[in-house]
C-alpha atoms as a PDB file:
ATOM      1  CA  MET A   1     353.565  24.088  34.411  1.00  0.00           C
ATOM      2  CA  SER A   2     351.678  25.899  31.578  1.00  0.00           C
ATOM      3  CA  GLU A   3     349.811  24.067  28.681  1.00  0.00           C
ATOM      4  CA  ASP A   4     351.533  26.640  26.163  1.00  0.00           C
ATOM      5  CA  SER A   5     352.909  24.159  24.331  1.00  0.00           C
ATOM      6  CA  SER A   6     356.060  25.874  22.417  1.00  0.00           C
ATOM      7  CA  ALA A   7     356.818  27.623  25.574  1.00  0.00           C
ATOM      8  CA  LEU A   8     357.583  24.442  27.156  1.00  0.00           C
ATOM      9  CA  ARG A   9     358.554  22.731  24.511  1.00  0.00           C
ATOM     10  CA  ASP A  10     361.709  25.560  23.823  1.00  0.00           C
ATOM     11  CA  MET A  11     362.704  25.466  27.824  1.00  0.00           C
ATOM     12  CA  LEU A  12     362.913  21.702  27.377  1.00  0.00           C
ATOM     13  CA  ASN A  13     364.813  21.862  24.163  1.00  0.00           C
ATOM     14  CA  ALA A  14     367.280  24.595  26.346  1.00  0.00           C
ATOM     15  CA  ARG A  15     367.294  22.381  29.500  1.00  0.00           C
ATOM     16  CA  GLY A  16     368.984  18.964  27.539  1.00  0.00           C
ATOM     17  CA  ALA A  17     371.526  21.464  26.023  1.00  0.00           C
ATOM     18  CA  GLY A  18     374.959  20.607  27.209  1.00  0.00           C
ATOM     19  CA  HIS A  19     373.693  17.491  28.980  1.00  0.00           C
ATOM     20  CA  LEU A  20     372.921  14.075  27.880  1.00  0.00           C
ATOM     21  CA  PRO A  21     369.675  15.034  25.945  1.00  0.00           C
ATOM     22  CA  GLY A  22     371.741  17.282  23.998  1.00  0.00           C
ATOM     23  CA  HIS A  23     375.025  15.424  23.300  1.00  0.00           C
ATOM     24  CA  LEU A  24     372.472  12.164  22.186  1.00  0.00           C
ATOM     25  CA  GLY A  25     370.636  14.879  19.793  1.00  0.00           C
ATOM     26  CA  VAL A  26     367.293  14.693  21.431  1.00  0.00           C
ATOM     27  CA  VAL A  27     364.893  17.670  19.739  1.00  0.00           C
ATOM     28  CA  ILE A  28     361.642  17.948  22.097  1.00  0.00           C
ATOM     29  CA  GLU A  29     358.760  18.791  19.465  1.00  0.00           C
ATOM     30  CA  THR A  30     355.248  19.227  20.975  1.00  0.00           C
ATOM     31  CA  ALA A  31     355.283  18.843  25.083  1.00  0.00           C
ATOM     32  CA  THR A  32     352.131  19.625  27.259  1.00  0.00           C
ATOM     33  CA  THR A  33     351.269  17.764  30.297  1.00  0.00           C
ATOM     34  CA  GLU A  34     349.596  15.335  28.665  1.00  0.00           C
ATOM     35  CA  GLU A  35     352.014  14.131  26.279  1.00  0.00           C
ATOM     36  CA  VAL A  36     355.275  14.956  25.490  1.00  0.00           C
ATOM     37  CA  ALA A  37     357.310  14.039  21.918  1.00  0.00           C
ATOM     38  CA  GLY A  38     360.360  14.133  20.097  1.00  0.00           C
ATOM     39  CA  PHE A  39     363.560  12.399  18.386  1.00  0.00           C
ATOM     40  CA  LEU A  40     366.864  11.666  17.691  1.00  0.00           C
ATOM     41  CA  ASP A  41     368.743  11.047  14.324  1.00  0.00           C
ATOM     42  CA  VAL A  42     370.545   7.744  14.239  1.00  0.00           C
ATOM     43  CA  ARG A  43     374.181   8.136  13.860  1.00  0.00           C
ATOM     44  CA  GLN A  44     377.273   6.071  14.424  1.00  0.00           C
ATOM     45  CA  GLU A  45     378.284   7.368  17.732  1.00  0.00           C
ATOM     46  CA  LEU A  46     374.270   5.907  18.488  1.00  0.00           C
ATOM     47  CA  MET A  47     375.214   2.309  17.417  1.00  0.00           C
ATOM     48  CA  ALA A  48     376.337  -0.578  18.962  1.00  0.00           C
ATOM     49  CA  PRO A  49     379.516  -2.352  18.184  1.00  0.00           C
ATOM     50  CA  ASN A  50     376.698  -5.059  15.946  1.00  0.00           C
ATOM     51  CA  GLY A  51     375.536  -2.506  14.082  1.00  0.00           C
ATOM     52  CA  PHE A  52     372.403  -1.851  15.466  1.00  0.00           C
ATOM     53  CA  LEU A  53     370.984   1.087  17.170  1.00  0.00           C
ATOM     54  CA  HIS A  54     372.088   0.583  21.005  1.00  0.00           C
ATOM     55  CA  ALA A  55     369.801  -0.234  23.843  1.00  0.00           C
ATOM     56  CA  ALA A  56     370.832   2.683  25.464  1.00  0.00           C
ATOM     57  CA  SER A  57     370.365   5.372  23.016  1.00  0.00           C
ATOM     58  CA  VAL A  58     366.729   4.307  22.495  1.00  0.00           C
ATOM     59  CA  ILE A  59     366.511   4.525  26.501  1.00  0.00           C
ATOM     60  CA  GLY A  60     368.170   8.185  26.233  1.00  0.00           C
ATOM     61  CA  LEU A  61     365.283   9.323  23.734  1.00  0.00           C
ATOM     62  CA  VAL A  62     362.125   7.622  25.856  1.00  0.00           C
ATOM     63  CA  ASP A  63     363.455   8.438  29.094  1.00  0.00           C
ATOM     64  CA  THR A  64     364.389  12.053  28.280  1.00  0.00           C
ATOM     65  CA  LEU A  65     360.439  12.264  27.080  1.00  0.00           C
ATOM     66  CA  CYS A  66     358.760  10.986  30.307  1.00  0.00           C
ATOM     67  CA  GLY A  67     361.440  13.104  32.367  1.00  0.00           C
ATOM     68  CA  TYR A  68     360.587  15.792  30.989  1.00  0.00           C
ATOM     69  CA  GLY A  69     356.625  14.800  31.163  1.00  0.00           C
ATOM     70  CA  THR A  70     357.503  14.940  34.868  1.00  0.00           C
ATOM     71  CA  VAL A  71     359.159  18.307  34.717  1.00  0.00           C
ATOM     72  CA  ALA A  72     355.890  19.523  33.188  1.00  0.00           C
ATOM     73  CA  ASN A  73     353.484  18.109  35.737  1.00  0.00           C
ATOM     74  CA  LEU A  74     355.512  18.496  39.347  1.00  0.00           C
ATOM     75  CA  PRO A  75     353.346  19.442  41.944  1.00  0.00           C
ATOM     76  CA  GLU A  76     353.711  22.933  43.462  1.00  0.00           C
ATOM     77  CA  GLY A  77     356.544  22.940  46.114  1.00  0.00           C
ATOM     78  CA  ALA A  78     358.329  20.088  44.595  1.00  0.00           C
ATOM     79  CA  SER A  79     362.214  20.400  44.378  1.00  0.00           C
ATOM     80  CA  GLY A  80     362.510  17.893  41.456  1.00  0.00           C
ATOM     81  CA  PHE A  81     362.349  14.377  40.724  1.00  0.00           C
ATOM     82  CA  THR A  82     364.467  11.332  39.854  1.00  0.00           C
ATOM     83  CA  THR A  83     363.780   8.007  37.861  1.00  0.00           C
ATOM     84  CA  ILE A  84     363.245   4.800  40.682  1.00  0.00           C
ATOM     85  CA  GLU A  85     362.346   2.384  38.025  1.00  0.00           C
ATOM     86  CA  LEU A  86     362.303   1.814  34.190  1.00  0.00           C
ATOM     87  CA  LYS A  87     362.066  -1.177  31.711  1.00  0.00           C
ATOM     88  CA  ALA A  88     361.968  -1.425  28.371  1.00  0.00           C
ATOM     89  CA  ASN A  89     360.534  -4.054  26.036  1.00  0.00           C
ATOM     90  CA  TYR A  90     362.553  -3.937  22.153  1.00  0.00           C
ATOM     91  CA  LEU A  91     360.469  -5.173  19.413  1.00  0.00           C
ATOM     92  CA  GLY A  92     362.738  -3.781  16.404  1.00  0.00           C
ATOM     93  CA  THR A  93     366.057  -1.573  15.891  1.00  0.00           C
ATOM     94  CA  ALA A  94     367.014   1.255  13.352  1.00  0.00           C
ATOM     95  CA  ARG A  95     370.218   1.487  11.793  1.00  0.00           C
ATOM     96  CA  ASP A  96     369.522   4.764   9.714  1.00  0.00           C
ATOM     97  CA  GLY A  97     366.981   7.619   9.693  1.00  0.00           C
ATOM     98  CA  ARG A  98     365.111   9.076  12.523  1.00  0.00           C
ATOM     99  CA  LEU A  99     364.122   7.710  15.669  1.00  0.00           C
ATOM    100  CA  ARG A 100     360.914   9.303  17.175  1.00  0.00           C
ATOM    101  CA  GLY A 101     359.085   8.970  20.704  1.00  0.00           C
ATOM    102  CA  ILE A 102     355.514   9.801  22.967  1.00  0.00           C
ATOM    103  CA  ALA A 103     355.265  10.016  26.267  1.00  0.00           C
ATOM    104  CA  THR A 104     352.337  10.016  28.114  1.00  0.00           C
ATOM    105  CA  PRO A 105     351.364  10.270  31.525  1.00  0.00           C
ATOM    106  CA  VAL A 106     349.690   6.867  33.551  1.00  0.00           C
ATOM    107  CA  HIS A 107     350.001   8.247  36.865  1.00  0.00           C
ATOM    108  CA  ARG A 108     350.530  11.878  38.419  1.00  0.00           C
ATOM    109  CA  GLY A 109     350.508  11.930  42.601  1.00  0.00           C
ATOM    110  CA  ARG A 110     352.173  14.061  44.744  1.00  0.00           C
ATOM    111  CA  THR A 111     355.025  11.126  45.438  1.00  0.00           C
ATOM    112  CA  THR A 112     355.293   9.229  42.306  1.00  0.00           C
ATOM    113  CA  HIS A 113     354.576   9.686  38.276  1.00  0.00           C
ATOM    114  CA  VAL A 114     354.385   6.742  36.007  1.00  0.00           C
ATOM    115  CA  TRP A 115     354.844   7.289  32.058  1.00  0.00           C
ATOM    116  CA  ASP A 116     354.528   5.235  28.995  1.00  0.00           C
ATOM    117  CA  ALA A 117     356.823   5.899  26.208  1.00  0.00           C
ATOM    118  CA  ARG A 118     356.822   3.947  22.803  1.00  0.00           C
ATOM    119  CA  ALA A 119     359.964   4.752  20.704  1.00  0.00           C
ATOM    120  CA  PHE A 120     359.120   4.263  16.745  1.00  0.00           C
ATOM    121  CA  ARG A 121     361.015   4.151  13.341  1.00  0.00           C
ATOM    122  CA  ASP A 122     360.149   7.507  11.387  1.00  0.00           C
ATOM    123  CA  SER A 123     359.874   5.800   8.149  1.00  0.00           C
ATOM    124  CA  ASP A 124     357.576   3.322   8.617  1.00  0.00           C
ATOM    125  CA  GLY A 125     355.947   3.747  11.851  1.00  0.00           C
ATOM    126  CA  LYS A 126     357.439   0.380  13.532  1.00  0.00           C
ATOM    127  CA  THR A 127     357.778  -0.002  17.184  1.00  0.00           C
ATOM    128  CA  VAL A 128     361.277  -0.212  18.207  1.00  0.00           C
ATOM    129  CA  ALA A 129     360.158  -0.230  22.118  1.00  0.00           C
ATOM    130  CA  LEU A 130     357.874   0.580  24.693  1.00  0.00           C
ATOM    131  CA  PHE A 131     359.013   1.988  27.720  1.00  0.00           C
ATOM    132  CA  ARG A 132     357.279   2.647  31.357  1.00  0.00           C
ATOM    133  CA  CYS A 133     359.037   4.174  34.047  1.00  0.00           C
ATOM    134  CA  THR A 134     358.398   5.335  37.564  1.00  0.00           C
ATOM    135  CA  GLN A 135     359.545   8.648  38.592  1.00  0.00           C
ATOM    136  CA  MET A 136     359.867   9.866  42.435  1.00  0.00           C
ATOM    137  CA  ILE A 137     358.961  13.631  43.419  1.00  0.00           C
ATOM    138  CA  LEU A 138     361.594  14.972  45.275  1.00  0.00           C
ATOM    139  CA  TRP A 139     360.296  17.615  48.072  1.00  0.00           C
ATOM    140  CA  PRO A 140     362.828  20.369  49.801  1.00  0.00           C
ATOM    141  CA  ASN A 141     364.207  19.243  53.204  1.00  0.00           C
ATOM    142  CA  ALA A 142     361.770  20.459  56.093  1.00  0.00           C
ATOM    143  CA  GLY A 143     363.912  22.613  58.313  1.00  0.00           C
END
């Protein structure tokens, strides 16, 4: 995938429309093969009944960023990827405002990718969650 960040960003934003990232309101701001950054606006639909941001909403943001990073780095000939493991450590929450995330690659191999991401509040930069996922690279069937 090209290093042209605006073309990649636009393609990724279009890819999410009508799917979970679009429903969550995930917006990709920057995208290169080295980093994917984006945000979602905290709103009632993303909250848990206890009034805090639902953990799955945070995962929706950072897993999307990591997945899009994998898309930008797929080896030639690969047909796609799927998440095979993810882990999140929650250090805080958000009740309003904007939640931002940044994902960076740790490992980009032919069979797996490992990505780290950080979700943080836009208002004060406080980390809400640290996230790591492993993606399995999918290859077309050979015959």
